[in-house]
Amino acid sequence: MATQICPNCKVDDFTWKVDEEESPLTIWDCGNCQYRAFENESDERNCSNCGKRTESKLKDSKKEYWWCSNCNTTEIIKTAPNNV
């Protein structure tokens, strides 16, 4: 399996596996910094930086963001504040 650049530590050691019980959930793990993120395979779009359809929505315990596996850019998804 080819590795990708980890969006957390920027080392080429980011790999994925499919969670068979939670399909279409993909789990991304970094062997260098132990970072873990989750991807719903249905959330993808064209990257605003390189134009390729290689941008996926990843979510970890603290944030949700778009990550391009082609040019390794990230864009944090800002959520609207709760009006309580």
C-alpha atoms as a PDB file:
ATOM      1  CA  MET A   1       0.000   0.000   0.000  1.00  0.00           C
ATOM      2  CA  ALA A   2       1.324   3.440  -0.894  1.00  0.00           C
ATOM      3  CA  THR A   3       1.799   5.910   1.920  1.00  0.00           C
ATOM      4  CA  GLN A   4       0.679   9.531   1.947  1.00  0.00           C
ATOM      5  CA  ILE A   5       1.999  12.651   3.681  1.00  0.00           C
ATOM      6  CA  CYS A   6       0.454  12.847   7.156  1.00  0.00           C
ATOM      7  CA  PRO A   7      -1.556  16.074   7.602  1.00  0.00           C
ATOM      8  CA  ASN A   8      -0.455  16.157  11.247  1.00  0.00           C
ATOM      9  CA  CYS A   9       3.349  15.604  11.222  1.00  0.00           C
ATOM     10  CA  LYS A  10       4.044  15.982   7.448  1.00  0.00           C
ATOM     11  CA  VAL A  11       5.939  12.642   7.267  1.00  0.00           C
ATOM     12  CA  ASP A  12       5.273  10.157   4.443  1.00  0.00           C
ATOM     13  CA  ASP A  13       3.787   7.450   6.705  1.00  0.00           C
ATOM     14  CA  PHE A  14      -0.011   7.957   6.471  1.00  0.00           C
ATOM     15  CA  THR A  15      -1.896   4.779   5.489  1.00  0.00           C
ATOM     16  CA  TRP A  16      -5.519   3.753   5.369  1.00  0.00           C
ATOM     17  CA  LYS A  17      -7.729   0.753   6.023  1.00  0.00           C
ATOM     18  CA  VAL A  18     -11.450   0.204   5.572  1.00  0.00           C
ATOM     19  CA  ASP A  19     -13.516  -0.483   8.673  1.00  0.00           C
ATOM     20  CA  GLU A  20     -15.577  -3.474   7.569  1.00  0.00           C
ATOM     21  CA  GLU A  21     -18.195  -2.911  10.304  1.00  0.00           C
ATOM     22  CA  GLU A  22     -18.660   0.815   9.608  1.00  0.00           C
ATOM     23  CA  SER A  23     -18.401   0.849   5.806  1.00  0.00           C
ATOM     24  CA  PRO A  24     -17.928   3.232   4.003  1.00  0.00           C
ATOM     25  CA  LEU A  25     -15.692   4.497   6.855  1.00  0.00           C
ATOM     26  CA  THR A  26     -11.962   4.599   6.163  1.00  0.00           C
ATOM     27  CA  ILE A  27      -9.454   4.870   9.003  1.00  0.00           C
ATOM     28  CA  TRP A  28      -6.213   6.771   8.371  1.00  0.00           C
ATOM     29  CA  ASP A  29      -3.235   6.148  10.680  1.00  0.00           C
ATOM     30  CA  CYS A  30       0.245   7.660  10.789  1.00  0.00           C
ATOM     31  CA  GLY A  31       3.038   5.279  11.728  1.00  0.00           C
ATOM     32  CA  ASN A  32       5.294   8.217  12.646  1.00  0.00           C
ATOM     33  CA  CYS A  33       3.179  10.333  15.040  1.00  0.00           C
ATOM     34  CA  GLN A  34       0.316   7.872  15.768  1.00  0.00           C
ATOM     35  CA  TYR A  35      -2.246  10.381  14.420  1.00  0.00           C
ATOM     36  CA  ARG A  36      -5.624   8.882  13.495  1.00  0.00           C
ATOM     37  CA  ALA A  37      -8.400  10.365  11.357  1.00  0.00           C
ATOM     38  CA  PHE A  38     -11.612   9.012   9.898  1.00  0.00           C
ATOM     39  CA  GLU A  39     -12.946   9.470   6.378  1.00  0.00           C
ATOM     40  CA  ASN A  40     -16.444   8.908   5.066  1.00  0.00           C
ATOM     41  CA  GLU A  41     -15.880   7.743   1.485  1.00  0.00           C
ATOM     42  CA  SER A  42     -18.939   9.665   0.266  1.00  0.00           C
ATOM     43  CA  ASP A  43     -17.364  13.029   1.227  1.00  0.00           C
ATOM     44  CA  GLU A  44     -14.971  13.993  -1.530  1.00  0.00           C
ATOM     45  CA  ARG A  45     -14.602  16.950  -3.857  1.00  0.00           C
ATOM     46  CA  ASN A  46     -12.286  18.642  -6.317  1.00  0.00           C
ATOM     47  CA  CYS A  47      -9.345  20.284  -4.560  1.00  0.00           C
ATOM     48  CA  SER A  48      -9.417  24.082  -4.743  1.00  0.00           C
ATOM     49  CA  ASN A  49      -5.598  24.076  -4.918  1.00  0.00           C
ATOM     50  CA  CYS A  50      -4.702  21.437  -7.548  1.00  0.00           C
ATOM     51  CA  GLY A  51      -8.132  20.921  -9.171  1.00  0.00           C
ATOM     52  CA  LYS A  52      -8.077  17.110  -8.918  1.00  0.00           C
ATOM     53  CA  ARG A  53     -10.869  15.096  -7.298  1.00  0.00           C
ATOM     54  CA  THR A  54      -8.540  13.933  -4.537  1.00  0.00           C
ATOM     55  CA  GLU A  55      -9.846  15.959  -1.597  1.00  0.00           C
ATOM     56  CA  SER A  56     -11.503  14.033   1.226  1.00  0.00           C
ATOM     57  CA  LYS A  57     -13.174  15.143   4.426  1.00  0.00           C
ATOM     58  CA  LEU A  58     -11.255  13.818   7.440  1.00  0.00           C
ATOM     59  CA  LYS A  59     -12.281  14.014  11.080  1.00  0.00           C
ATOM     60  CA  ASP A  60     -10.255  13.446  14.224  1.00  0.00           C
ATOM     61  CA  SER A  61     -11.028  13.982  17.917  1.00  0.00           C
ATOM     62  CA  LYS A  62     -10.556  17.766  17.653  1.00  0.00           C
ATOM     63  CA  LYS A  63     -11.396  18.941  14.158  1.00  0.00           C
ATOM     64  CA  GLU A  64     -12.910  18.215  10.780  1.00  0.00           C
ATOM     65  CA  TYR A  65     -11.130  19.277   7.611  1.00  0.00           C
ATOM     66  CA  TRP A  66     -10.665  18.749   3.890  1.00  0.00           C
ATOM     67  CA  TRP A  67      -7.392  17.023   2.988  1.00  0.00           C
ATOM     68  CA  CYS A  68      -6.016  16.599  -0.524  1.00  0.00           C
ATOM     69  CA  SER A  69      -4.036  13.399  -1.007  1.00  0.00           C
ATOM     70  CA  ASN A  70      -2.555  14.787  -4.231  1.00  0.00           C
ATOM     71  CA  CYS A  71      -1.073  18.115  -3.084  1.00  0.00           C
ATOM     72  CA  ASN A  72      -1.275  17.524   0.695  1.00  0.00           C
ATOM     73  CA  THR A  73      -3.180  20.688   1.514  1.00  0.00           C
ATOM     74  CA  THR A  74      -5.703  20.944   4.330  1.00  0.00           C
ATOM     75  CA  GLU A  75      -8.645  23.260   4.918  1.00  0.00           C
ATOM     76  CA  ILE A  76     -10.255  23.319   8.374  1.00  0.00           C
ATOM     77  CA  ILE A  77     -14.056  23.180   8.245  1.00  0.00           C
ATOM     78  CA  LYS A  78     -15.425  25.948  10.379  1.00  0.00           C
ATOM     79  CA  THR A  79     -18.644  25.152  12.164  1.00  0.00           C
ATOM     80  CA  ALA A  80     -21.238  27.768  12.993  1.00  0.00           C
ATOM     81  CA  PRO A  81     -21.316  28.714  16.685  1.00  0.00           C
ATOM     82  CA  ASN A  82     -24.267  27.424  18.672  1.00  0.00           C
ATOM     83  CA  ASN A  83     -26.809  30.150  19.330  1.00  0.00           C
ATOM     84  CA  VAL A  84     -28.156  29.047  22.682  1.00  0.00           C
END
